[in-house]
N, C-alpha and C. Protein backbone atom coordinates (compact mmCIF):
# COMPACT_ATOMS: atom_id res chain seq x y z
N UNK A 1 19.45 -25.63 -21.43
CA UNK A 1 20.72 -25.36 -20.71
C UNK A 1 20.16 -24.36 -19.70
N UNK A 2 20.65 -24.58 -18.61
CA UNK A 2 19.69 -23.41 -17.31
C UNK A 2 21.11 -22.94 -16.82
N UNK A 3 21.09 -21.33 -16.72
CA UNK A 3 21.99 -20.31 -16.91
C UNK A 3 22.37 -19.89 -15.29
N UNK A 4 21.43 -19.10 -15.08
CA UNK A 4 21.13 -18.23 -13.78
C UNK A 4 20.31 -19.03 -12.79
N UNK A 5 20.30 -18.74 -11.60
CA UNK A 5 19.03 -19.01 -10.41
C UNK A 5 18.86 -17.63 -9.64
N UNK A 6 17.79 -17.61 -9.29
CA UNK A 6 17.52 -16.96 -8.49
C UNK A 6 16.22 -16.99 -7.71
N UNK A 7 15.35 -16.00 -6.84
CA UNK A 7 14.65 -16.61 -6.06
C UNK A 7 13.32 -15.83 -5.84
N UNK A 8 12.52 -16.33 -5.97
CA UNK A 8 11.19 -15.47 -5.80
C UNK A 8 11.09 -14.74 -4.31
N UNK A 9 10.98 -13.25 -4.13
CA UNK A 9 11.16 -12.73 -3.09
C UNK A 9 9.78 -11.87 -2.50
N UNK A 10 8.63 -11.94 -3.43
CA UNK A 10 7.14 -11.76 -3.47
C UNK A 10 6.20 -12.21 -4.66
N UNK A 11 5.27 -12.34 -4.27
CA UNK A 11 3.81 -12.36 -4.86
C UNK A 11 2.92 -11.48 -5.02
N UNK A 12 2.26 -11.10 -6.07
CA UNK A 12 1.28 -10.28 -5.77
C UNK A 12 0.41 -10.48 -7.11
N UNK A 13 -1.00 -9.79 -7.19
CA UNK A 13 -1.99 -9.50 -8.17
C UNK A 13 -2.79 -8.75 -7.67
N UNK A 14 -4.05 -8.11 -8.29
CA UNK A 14 -5.06 -7.43 -7.90
C UNK A 14 -5.89 -7.46 -9.27
N UNK A 15 -7.32 -7.68 -8.65
CA UNK A 15 -8.26 -8.16 -9.44
C UNK A 15 -8.69 -6.76 -10.23
N UNK A 16 -8.40 -5.76 -9.60
CA UNK A 16 -8.44 -4.34 -10.56
C UNK A 16 -7.57 -3.96 -11.08
N UNK A 17 -7.72 -2.89 -11.82
CA UNK A 17 -6.84 -2.01 -12.73
C UNK A 17 -5.77 -1.11 -11.55
N UNK A 18 -5.95 -1.32 -10.36
CA UNK A 18 -4.89 -0.71 -9.95
C UNK A 18 -3.80 -0.42 -9.94
N UNK A 19 -2.95 0.46 -9.52
CA UNK A 19 -1.36 0.52 -9.94
C UNK A 19 -0.53 -0.17 -9.03
N UNK A 20 -0.48 -0.67 -7.72
CA UNK A 20 -0.01 -1.10 -7.04
C UNK A 20 -0.88 -2.67 -6.71
N UNK A 21 -0.19 -3.79 -6.51
CA UNK A 21 -0.64 -5.25 -6.33
C UNK A 21 -0.79 -5.65 -5.01
N UNK A 22 -1.53 -6.36 -4.35
CA UNK A 22 -1.36 -6.68 -3.07
C UNK A 22 -0.58 -8.29 -2.83
N UNK A 23 0.38 -8.24 -2.14
CA UNK A 23 0.99 -9.05 -1.71
C UNK A 23 0.25 -10.36 -1.25
N UNK A 24 0.91 -11.93 -1.69
CA UNK A 24 -0.06 -12.88 -1.26
C UNK A 24 1.33 -13.71 -1.05
N UNK A 25 0.73 -14.96 -0.20
CA UNK A 25 1.72 -16.00 -0.16
C UNK A 25 1.84 -16.75 -1.23
N UNK A 26 0.86 -16.78 -2.35
CA UNK A 26 1.52 -17.45 -3.58
C UNK A 26 0.53 -17.07 -4.36
N UNK A 27 0.62 -17.28 -5.70
CA UNK A 27 -0.13 -16.74 -6.93
C UNK A 27 -0.12 -18.31 -8.06
N UNK A 28 -1.39 -18.18 -8.75
CA UNK A 28 -0.95 -19.34 -9.68
C UNK A 28 -1.09 -18.60 -11.04
N UNK A 29 -0.30 -19.25 -12.10
CA UNK A 29 0.13 -18.68 -13.07
C UNK A 29 -0.67 -19.76 -14.04
N UNK A 30 -1.42 -19.27 -15.18
CA UNK A 30 -2.23 -20.23 -15.70
C UNK A 30 -1.66 -19.78 -17.30
N UNK A 31 -1.10 -21.34 -17.81
CA UNK A 31 -0.92 -21.02 -18.98
C UNK A 31 -1.55 -20.55 -20.32
N UNK A 32 -1.11 -19.97 -21.00
CA UNK A 32 -1.43 -18.67 -22.02
C UNK A 32 -2.40 -17.74 -21.56
N UNK A 33 -2.49 -17.40 -20.35
CA UNK A 33 -3.72 -16.36 -19.51
C UNK A 33 -2.96 -15.54 -18.62
N UNK A 34 -1.75 -15.86 -17.78
CA UNK A 34 -1.56 -14.79 -16.92
C UNK A 34 -1.70 -15.33 -15.29
N UNK A 35 -1.86 -14.30 -14.19
CA UNK A 35 -2.22 -14.54 -13.06
C UNK A 35 -3.60 -14.60 -12.17
N UNK A 36 -3.90 -15.84 -12.22
CA UNK A 36 -5.15 -16.29 -11.90
C UNK A 36 -5.47 -14.95 -10.66
N UNK A 37 -6.94 -14.26 -11.00
CA UNK A 37 -7.03 -13.12 -9.67
C UNK A 37 -6.51 -11.88 -10.53
N UNK A 38 -5.86 -11.75 -11.54
CA UNK A 38 -5.35 -10.48 -11.85
C UNK A 38 -6.13 -9.95 -12.99
N UNK A 39 -6.10 -8.49 -12.94
CA UNK A 39 -6.66 -7.83 -14.05
C UNK A 39 -6.60 -8.00 -15.02
N UNK A 40 -4.97 -8.29 -15.16
CA UNK A 40 -4.59 -8.31 -16.51
C UNK A 40 -4.07 -9.81 -16.91
N UNK A 41 -5.34 -10.79 -16.44
CA UNK A 41 -5.59 -12.14 -16.72
C UNK A 41 -6.02 -12.53 -18.29
N UNK A 42 -5.47 -12.90 -19.11
CA UNK A 42 -6.40 -13.10 -20.68
C UNK A 42 -5.15 -13.31 -21.55
N UNK A 43 -5.85 -13.66 -22.92
CA UNK A 43 -5.14 -14.30 -24.01
C UNK A 43 -4.69 -13.06 -24.76
N UNK A 44 -5.65 -12.13 -24.53
CA UNK A 44 -5.77 -10.87 -25.86
C UNK A 44 -5.35 -9.63 -24.40
N UNK A 45 -4.51 -8.37 -24.87
CA UNK A 45 -4.43 -7.43 -24.05
C UNK A 45 -5.09 -6.98 -23.11
N UNK A 46 -4.96 -6.35 -22.10
CA UNK A 46 -5.48 -6.13 -20.92
C UNK A 46 -5.11 -4.60 -20.27
N UNK A 47 -4.26 -4.29 -20.78
CA UNK A 47 -3.39 -3.12 -20.20
C UNK A 47 -4.42 -1.97 -20.76
N UNK A 48 -4.97 -1.18 -19.90
CA UNK A 48 -6.21 -0.08 -20.62
C UNK A 48 -5.16 0.56 -21.91
N UNK A 49 -4.31 1.19 -21.72
CA UNK A 49 -4.11 1.73 -22.93
C UNK A 49 -3.76 1.19 -24.39
N UNK A 50 -3.12 -0.26 -24.00
CA UNK A 50 -3.20 -1.04 -25.33
C UNK A 50 -4.80 -1.62 -25.72
N UNK A 51 -5.71 -1.63 -24.89
CA UNK A 51 -7.31 -2.16 -25.31
C UNK A 51 -7.43 -0.97 -26.30
N UNK A 52 -7.29 0.17 -25.92
CA UNK A 52 -7.88 1.50 -26.49
C UNK A 52 -7.19 1.42 -27.99
N UNK A 53 -5.89 0.93 -28.15
CA UNK A 53 -5.48 0.99 -29.49
C UNK A 53 -6.05 0.10 -30.48
N UNK A 54 -5.81 -1.29 -29.77
CA UNK A 54 -6.23 -2.55 -30.35
C UNK A 54 -6.57 -3.59 -29.36
N UNK A 55 -7.58 -3.97 -29.05
CA UNK A 55 -8.28 -5.01 -27.95
C UNK A 55 -8.19 -6.32 -28.29
N UNK A 56 -7.56 -6.64 -29.81
CA UNK A 56 -7.54 -7.99 -30.11
C UNK A 56 -6.07 -8.32 -30.14
N UNK A 57 -5.46 -7.28 -29.61
CA UNK A 57 -3.55 -7.78 -29.46
C UNK A 57 -3.33 -9.11 -28.52
N UNK A 58 -2.51 -9.93 -29.07
CA UNK A 58 -1.94 -10.89 -28.32
C UNK A 58 -1.60 -10.28 -26.67
N UNK A 59 -2.07 -10.92 -25.71
CA UNK A 59 -1.66 -10.30 -24.21
C UNK A 59 0.33 -10.62 -23.94
N UNK A 60 0.90 -9.78 -24.43
CA UNK A 60 2.40 -10.31 -24.11
C UNK A 60 3.06 -9.83 -22.78
N UNK A 61 2.10 -9.24 -22.06
CA UNK A 61 2.01 -8.86 -20.55
C UNK A 61 1.26 -9.27 -19.69
N UNK A 62 1.44 -10.66 -19.72
CA UNK A 62 0.47 -11.62 -18.79
C UNK A 62 1.45 -11.49 -17.21
N UNK A 63 2.36 -11.35 -17.46
CA UNK A 63 3.16 -11.57 -15.78
C UNK A 63 4.20 -10.28 -16.07
N UNK A 64 4.24 -9.66 -14.80
CA UNK A 64 5.35 -8.33 -14.86
C UNK A 64 6.36 -8.60 -14.00
N UNK A 65 7.44 -8.84 -14.39
CA UNK A 65 8.49 -9.05 -12.97
C UNK A 65 9.48 -7.83 -12.72
N UNK A 66 9.94 -8.00 -11.69
CA UNK A 66 10.79 -6.77 -11.31
C UNK A 66 11.86 -6.95 -10.48
N UNK A 67 13.12 -7.18 -10.38
CA UNK A 67 14.28 -7.49 -9.27
C UNK A 67 14.28 -6.69 -8.68
N UNK A 68 14.09 -7.19 -7.06
CA UNK A 68 14.11 -6.29 -6.13
C UNK A 68 15.47 -5.36 -5.41
N UNK A 69 16.03 -5.70 -6.83
CA UNK A 69 17.92 -4.81 -6.68
C UNK A 69 17.49 -3.65 -7.04
N UNK A 70 16.09 -3.26 -7.97
CA UNK A 70 15.48 -2.02 -8.22
C UNK A 70 14.88 -1.22 -7.08
N UNK A 71 14.35 -1.54 -6.23
CA UNK A 71 13.48 -1.32 -5.28
C UNK A 71 14.79 -0.79 -3.96
N UNK A 72 15.89 -1.67 -4.15
CA UNK A 72 16.89 -1.24 -3.20
C UNK A 72 17.41 0.17 -3.68
N UNK A 73 17.99 0.21 -5.26
CA UNK A 73 18.35 1.75 -6.16
C UNK A 73 17.70 2.23 -5.59
N UNK A 74 16.52 2.48 -5.68
CA UNK A 74 15.37 3.35 -5.76
C UNK A 74 15.56 4.05 -4.29
N UNK A 75 15.48 3.13 -3.40
CA UNK A 75 15.43 3.40 -2.00
C UNK A 75 16.45 4.35 -1.70
N UNK A 76 17.75 3.81 -2.02
CA UNK A 76 18.64 4.96 -1.68
C UNK A 76 18.85 6.10 -2.26
N UNK A 77 17.79 6.47 -3.30
CA UNK A 77 17.48 7.59 -4.08
C UNK A 77 16.25 8.43 -3.63
N UNK A 78 15.87 7.51 -2.31
CA UNK A 78 14.89 8.32 -1.56
C UNK A 78 13.43 7.95 -1.52
N UNK A 79 13.03 6.85 -2.40
CA UNK A 79 11.63 6.21 -2.81
C UNK A 79 11.74 5.36 -2.08
N UNK A 80 10.32 5.49 -1.30
CA UNK A 80 9.64 4.43 -0.33
C UNK A 80 8.87 3.24 -1.53
N UNK A 81 9.51 2.41 -1.64
CA UNK A 81 9.47 1.32 -2.68
C UNK A 81 9.74 -0.09 -2.39
N UNK A 82 7.86 -0.82 -2.28
CA UNK A 82 8.55 -2.46 -2.03
C UNK A 82 7.65 -3.32 -2.96
N UNK A 83 7.77 -4.42 -2.58
CA UNK A 83 7.57 -5.62 -3.33
C UNK A 83 5.96 -5.17 -3.82
N UNK A 84 5.79 -5.22 -5.28
CA UNK A 84 3.90 -4.81 -5.71
C UNK A 84 3.73 -3.76 -5.68
N UNK A 85 4.40 -2.81 -5.04
CA UNK A 85 3.66 -1.12 -5.48
C UNK A 85 3.94 -0.79 -6.62
N UNK A 86 4.85 -0.82 -7.71
CA UNK A 86 5.31 -0.55 -8.96
C UNK A 86 4.42 -1.73 -9.95
N UNK A 87 3.47 -2.61 -9.37
CA UNK A 87 2.41 -3.17 -10.25
C UNK A 87 3.13 -4.62 -10.56
N UNK A 88 4.07 -5.14 -10.15
CA UNK A 88 4.82 -6.40 -10.45
C UNK A 88 4.04 -7.55 -9.99
N UNK A 89 3.78 -8.53 -10.55
CA UNK A 89 3.28 -10.01 -10.13
C UNK A 89 4.28 -10.75 -9.29
N UNK A 90 5.74 -10.25 -9.55
CA UNK A 90 6.42 -11.31 -8.80
C UNK A 90 7.75 -10.24 -8.86
N UNK A 91 8.00 -10.37 -7.54
CA UNK A 91 9.75 -9.69 -7.32
C UNK A 91 10.66 -10.78 -7.04
N UNK A 92 11.80 -10.53 -7.93
CA UNK A 92 13.12 -11.48 -7.80
C UNK A 92 13.88 -11.17 -7.27
N UNK A 93 15.21 -11.92 -6.74
CA UNK A 93 16.47 -11.44 -6.58
C UNK A 93 17.25 -12.50 -7.22
N UNK A 94 18.51 -11.90 -7.24
CA UNK A 94 19.49 -12.96 -8.00
C UNK A 94 19.79 -13.10 -9.42
N UNK A 95 18.66 -12.24 -10.01
CA UNK A 95 18.90 -12.45 -11.53
C UNK A 95 18.54 -11.14 -12.15
N UNK A 96 19.52 -11.10 -12.83
CA UNK A 96 19.56 -9.62 -13.91
C UNK A 96 18.41 -9.53 -14.99
N UNK A 97 17.23 -9.29 -14.49
CA UNK A 97 16.36 -9.50 -15.36
C UNK A 97 16.03 -8.61 -16.75
N UNK A 98 17.02 -7.39 -16.77
CA UNK A 98 17.00 -6.42 -17.77
C UNK A 98 18.04 -6.79 -18.76
N UNK A 99 18.78 -7.96 -18.77
CA UNK A 99 19.75 -8.69 -19.42
C UNK A 99 19.52 -9.84 -20.08
N UNK A 100 18.33 -10.26 -19.94
CA UNK A 100 17.82 -11.49 -20.28
C UNK A 100 17.57 -11.41 -21.63
N UNK A 101 17.57 -12.43 -22.68
CA UNK A 101 17.52 -11.93 -23.88
C UNK A 101 15.78 -12.48 -24.01
N UNK A 102 15.31 -11.65 -25.20
CA UNK A 102 13.98 -12.22 -25.58
C UNK A 102 13.88 -13.68 -25.88
N UNK A 103 12.44 -14.01 -25.34
CA UNK A 103 12.21 -15.55 -25.37
C UNK A 103 13.26 -16.53 -24.44
N UNK A 104 13.84 -15.62 -23.08
CA UNK A 104 14.50 -16.85 -22.09
C UNK A 104 12.94 -17.27 -21.34
N UNK A 105 13.36 -18.24 -20.73
CA UNK A 105 12.36 -19.07 -20.19
C UNK A 105 12.96 -18.98 -18.23
N UNK A 106 11.79 -18.66 -17.49
CA UNK A 106 12.18 -18.65 -16.30
C UNK A 106 11.27 -19.59 -15.49
N UNK A 107 11.69 -20.84 -14.87
CA UNK A 107 11.17 -21.94 -14.16
C UNK A 107 10.94 -21.73 -12.95
N UNK A 108 9.84 -21.49 -12.65
CA UNK A 108 9.43 -20.55 -10.96
C UNK A 108 8.48 -22.18 -10.64
N UNK A 109 9.09 -22.27 -9.06
CA UNK A 109 8.44 -23.22 -8.30
C UNK A 109 8.83 -24.85 -9.00
N UNK A 110 7.60 -25.68 -8.60
CA UNK A 110 7.84 -26.87 -9.13
C UNK A 110 7.30 -26.77 -10.55
N UNK A 111 6.41 -26.44 -11.17
CA UNK A 111 5.96 -26.48 -12.62
C UNK A 111 6.01 -25.35 -13.24
N UNK A 112 5.29 -24.27 -12.77
CA UNK A 112 5.36 -22.92 -13.65
C UNK A 112 6.34 -22.49 -14.55
N UNK A 113 6.36 -22.02 -15.45
CA UNK A 113 7.55 -21.50 -16.83
C UNK A 113 6.50 -20.23 -17.08
N UNK A 114 7.60 -19.13 -17.57
CA UNK A 114 7.17 -18.01 -18.10
C UNK A 114 8.49 -17.53 -19.09
N UNK A 115 7.89 -17.34 -20.19
CA UNK A 115 8.93 -16.75 -21.19
C UNK A 115 8.75 -15.19 -21.37
N UNK A 116 10.27 -14.79 -21.24
CA UNK A 116 10.19 -13.54 -21.13
C UNK A 116 9.62 -12.74 -22.61
N UNK A 117 9.03 -12.01 -22.61
CA UNK A 117 8.59 -11.29 -24.40
C UNK A 117 9.15 -9.45 -24.23
N UNK A 118 9.61 -9.08 -23.25
CA UNK A 118 10.08 -7.83 -23.40
C UNK A 118 10.15 -7.22 -21.86
N UNK A 119 10.69 -5.57 -22.27
CA UNK A 119 10.90 -5.07 -20.88
C UNK A 119 9.30 -4.27 -20.87
N UNK A 120 9.19 -4.01 -19.89
CA UNK A 120 7.85 -2.98 -19.16
C UNK A 120 8.09 -1.68 -19.62
N UNK A 121 7.27 -1.11 -20.63
CA UNK A 121 7.97 0.79 -20.87
C UNK A 121 7.28 1.71 -19.73
N UNK A 122 7.84 2.12 -18.75
CA UNK A 122 7.36 2.94 -17.68
C UNK A 122 6.49 4.05 -18.27
N UNK A 123 5.35 4.00 -17.21
CA UNK A 123 4.35 5.24 -17.52
C UNK A 123 4.16 6.22 -16.81
N UNK A 124 3.49 7.03 -16.60
CA UNK A 124 3.23 8.43 -16.06
C UNK A 124 2.35 7.92 -14.90
N UNK A 125 1.66 6.92 -14.25
CA UNK A 125 1.22 6.46 -13.46
C UNK A 125 2.33 6.36 -12.45
N UNK A 126 3.76 5.91 -12.54
CA UNK A 126 5.01 6.06 -11.65
C UNK A 126 4.86 7.30 -10.74
N UNK A 127 4.44 8.28 -11.79
CA UNK A 127 4.83 9.49 -10.78
C UNK A 127 3.60 10.13 -10.38
N UNK A 128 2.28 9.49 -10.29
CA UNK A 128 1.50 9.65 -9.50
C UNK A 128 1.53 8.72 -8.44
N UNK A 129 2.30 7.83 -8.57
CA UNK A 129 2.50 6.73 -6.95
C UNK A 129 3.66 7.60 -6.22
N UNK A 130 4.78 8.55 -6.93
CA UNK A 130 5.51 8.92 -6.00
C UNK A 130 6.19 9.86 -7.23
N UNK A 131 6.14 10.95 -7.15
CA UNK A 131 6.83 12.26 -7.82
C UNK A 131 8.18 12.09 -7.98
N UNK A 132 8.79 11.63 -9.47
CA UNK A 132 9.87 11.92 -9.92
C UNK A 132 10.43 10.14 -10.32
N UNK A 133 9.33 9.23 -9.92
CA UNK A 133 9.83 7.62 -9.90
C UNK A 133 9.80 7.48 -10.93
N UNK A 134 9.27 8.21 -12.33
CA UNK A 134 9.25 7.37 -13.75
C UNK A 134 10.50 8.09 -14.24
N UNK A 135 10.99 9.04 -13.96
CA UNK A 135 12.70 9.43 -14.01
C UNK A 135 13.66 8.74 -13.61
N UNK A 136 13.35 7.74 -12.47
CA UNK A 136 14.14 7.58 -11.64
C UNK A 136 14.50 6.01 -12.26
N UNK A 137 13.38 5.36 -13.19
CA UNK A 137 13.47 4.08 -13.68
C UNK A 137 13.82 3.93 -15.01
N UNK A 138 14.16 5.44 -15.43
CA UNK A 138 14.45 5.59 -16.88
C UNK A 138 16.20 6.11 -17.11
N UNK A 139 16.93 5.44 -18.00
CA UNK A 139 18.30 5.88 -17.82
C UNK A 139 18.54 5.88 -19.23
N UNK A 140 20.12 6.10 -19.53
CA UNK A 140 20.76 6.39 -20.47
C UNK A 140 22.30 5.66 -20.67
N UNK A 141 22.71 4.76 -21.65
CA UNK A 141 23.92 4.44 -21.51
C UNK A 141 24.83 5.30 -22.06
N UNK A 142 25.88 4.64 -22.50
CA UNK A 142 27.35 5.48 -23.00
C UNK A 142 26.86 6.33 -24.37
N UNK A 143 26.09 5.20 -25.25
CA UNK A 143 25.94 5.91 -26.58
C UNK A 143 24.76 6.73 -26.47
N UNK A 144 24.22 7.02 -25.18
CA UNK A 144 22.75 7.75 -25.35
C UNK A 144 21.47 6.95 -25.05
N UNK A 145 21.43 5.57 -25.40
CA UNK A 145 20.32 4.98 -25.49
C UNK A 145 19.51 4.75 -24.14
N UNK A 146 17.97 4.82 -24.27
CA UNK A 146 17.38 4.70 -23.05
C UNK A 146 17.73 3.17 -22.58
N UNK A 147 17.22 3.12 -21.31
CA UNK A 147 17.49 1.72 -20.68
C UNK A 147 15.98 2.25 -19.63
N UNK A 148 15.55 1.02 -19.94
CA UNK A 148 13.99 1.06 -19.05
C UNK A 148 14.43 0.13 -18.12
N UNK A 149 14.13 0.49 -16.68
CA UNK A 149 14.66 -0.34 -15.56
C UNK A 149 13.52 -0.73 -14.81
N UNK A 150 12.34 -0.72 -15.46
CA UNK A 150 10.72 -0.98 -14.64
C UNK A 150 10.71 -2.60 -14.58
N UNK A 151 11.55 -3.23 -14.85
CA UNK A 151 10.97 -4.87 -14.93
C UNK A 151 11.05 -5.53 -16.51
N UNK A 152 10.53 -6.52 -16.77
CA UNK A 152 10.11 -7.26 -17.88
C UNK A 152 8.81 -7.83 -17.72
N UNK A 153 8.47 -8.37 -18.85
CA UNK A 153 6.81 -8.70 -18.74
C UNK A 153 7.40 -10.02 -19.69
N UNK A 154 6.30 -11.23 -19.26
CA UNK A 154 6.41 -12.11 -20.04
C UNK A 154 5.08 -13.24 -20.50
N UNK A 155 4.95 -14.32 -20.84
CA UNK A 155 3.73 -14.84 -20.98
C UNK A 155 4.02 -16.32 -20.01
N UNK A 156 2.67 -17.16 -19.68
CA UNK A 156 2.77 -18.10 -19.13
C UNK A 156 2.83 -19.26 -20.09
N UNK A 157 3.83 -20.02 -20.03
CA UNK A 157 4.11 -21.17 -20.89
C UNK A 157 3.19 -22.62 -20.07
N UNK A 158 3.73 -22.64 -18.61
CA UNK A 158 3.21 -23.65 -18.09
C UNK A 158 2.70 -23.62 -16.51
N UNK A 159 1.27 -23.89 -16.30
CA UNK A 159 0.94 -23.53 -15.37
C UNK A 159 1.37 -23.70 -13.60
N UNK A 160 1.40 -23.14 -12.97
CA UNK A 160 1.67 -23.75 -11.40
C UNK A 160 1.62 -22.76 -10.65
N UNK A 161 1.83 -22.99 -9.12
CA UNK A 161 1.68 -22.11 -8.11
C UNK A 161 3.21 -21.61 -8.05
N UNK A 162 3.02 -20.46 -7.58
CA UNK A 162 4.64 -19.91 -7.68
C UNK A 162 4.34 -19.28 -5.84
N UNK A 163 5.22 -19.62 -5.23
CA UNK A 163 5.50 -19.09 -3.59
C UNK A 163 6.47 -18.31 -3.34
N UNK A 164 6.69 -17.59 -2.22
CA UNK A 164 7.86 -16.61 -1.93
C UNK A 164 9.03 -17.87 -1.28
N UNK A 165 10.35 -17.80 -1.73
CA UNK A 165 11.13 -18.32 -1.50
C UNK A 165 11.27 -19.20 -2.99
N UNK A 166 10.66 -19.62 -3.70
CA UNK A 166 11.00 -20.76 -4.97
C UNK A 166 12.00 -20.06 -5.46
N UNK A 167 13.01 -21.17 -5.75
CA UNK A 167 13.32 -20.75 -6.98
C UNK A 167 13.41 -20.59 -8.30
N UNK A 168 14.42 -19.81 -8.63
CA UNK A 168 13.81 -19.50 -10.40
C UNK A 168 15.02 -19.94 -11.25
N UNK A 169 15.18 -20.44 -11.92
CA UNK A 169 15.87 -20.85 -13.28
C UNK A 169 15.83 -20.59 -14.36
N UNK A 170 16.85 -20.26 -14.86
CA UNK A 170 16.69 -19.12 -16.01
C UNK A 170 17.21 -20.24 -17.16
N UNK A 171 16.45 -20.45 -18.42
CA UNK A 171 16.72 -21.39 -19.50
C UNK A 171 16.98 -20.25 -20.72
N UNK A 172 18.17 -20.32 -21.23
CA UNK A 172 18.30 -19.36 -22.26
C UNK A 172 17.88 -19.52 -23.55
N UNK A 173 17.19 -18.69 -24.54
CA UNK A 173 17.08 -19.38 -25.72
C UNK A 173 18.40 -19.83 -26.62
N UNK A 174 18.02 -20.61 -27.91
CA UNK A 174 19.38 -20.64 -28.71
C UNK A 174 19.92 -19.29 -29.21
N UNK A 175 20.94 -19.24 -29.40
CA UNK A 175 21.67 -17.96 -29.90
C UNK A 175 21.26 -17.95 -31.03
N UNK A 176 21.48 -16.71 -31.99
CA UNK A 176 21.82 -15.29 -30.98
C UNK A 176 20.86 -14.95 -30.53
N UNK A 177 21.20 -14.50 -29.41
CA UNK A 177 20.16 -13.98 -28.55
C UNK A 177 19.53 -12.16 -29.23
N UNK A 178 18.08 -12.05 -28.95
CA UNK A 178 17.67 -11.05 -29.09
C UNK A 178 17.72 -10.12 -27.67
N UNK A 179 18.16 -8.52 -27.69
CA UNK A 179 17.60 -7.89 -26.41
C UNK A 179 16.63 -8.03 -26.62
N UNK A 180 16.55 -7.29 -25.21
CA UNK A 180 14.79 -6.87 -24.92
C UNK A 180 14.28 -5.59 -25.49
N UNK A 181 13.24 -5.66 -25.63
CA UNK A 181 12.58 -4.32 -26.61
C UNK A 181 11.48 -3.88 -25.63
N UNK A 182 11.09 -3.08 -25.44
CA UNK A 182 9.77 -2.59 -24.97
C UNK A 182 8.15 -3.29 -25.38
N UNK A 183 7.53 -3.65 -24.80
CA UNK A 183 6.08 -4.36 -25.12
C UNK A 183 5.21 -3.71 -24.34
């Protein structure tokens, strides 16, 4: 059952482990691997801090998505951020990514499907990009629990091209839903 719809505003990739990624007209998602031509492509983890811990870990961070609404929020706080600059592969609009449950599936374009694995854990690279940015993507709820706003991570279930302007359809997993945790 598909619940929400949104749109792809930008797609980005980088062949190197640079913080920001270059925008493109389209990217190709490869099942079980990630974004073709991106440094984080692979079955096992590619984020350098995770590789240092255990290079055999499964890659639950094949694709990074950020909602454009976060960029807008940060811009009102004086940060100059745009699509791809915070390391995301796909910039979305119209979907509350942070409220999706673990296991939600995002259908993008004609055939691509991403399964949501968890929240991006912000790191100090955000501060190197723009001072204070890491604190700006963290918050606390009424109970004092940490809220991570720097996007979500996923794995590619079905390959396909993803282009600017593509629709995103959200398929929720069966209940009970599990909230997103950092991956």
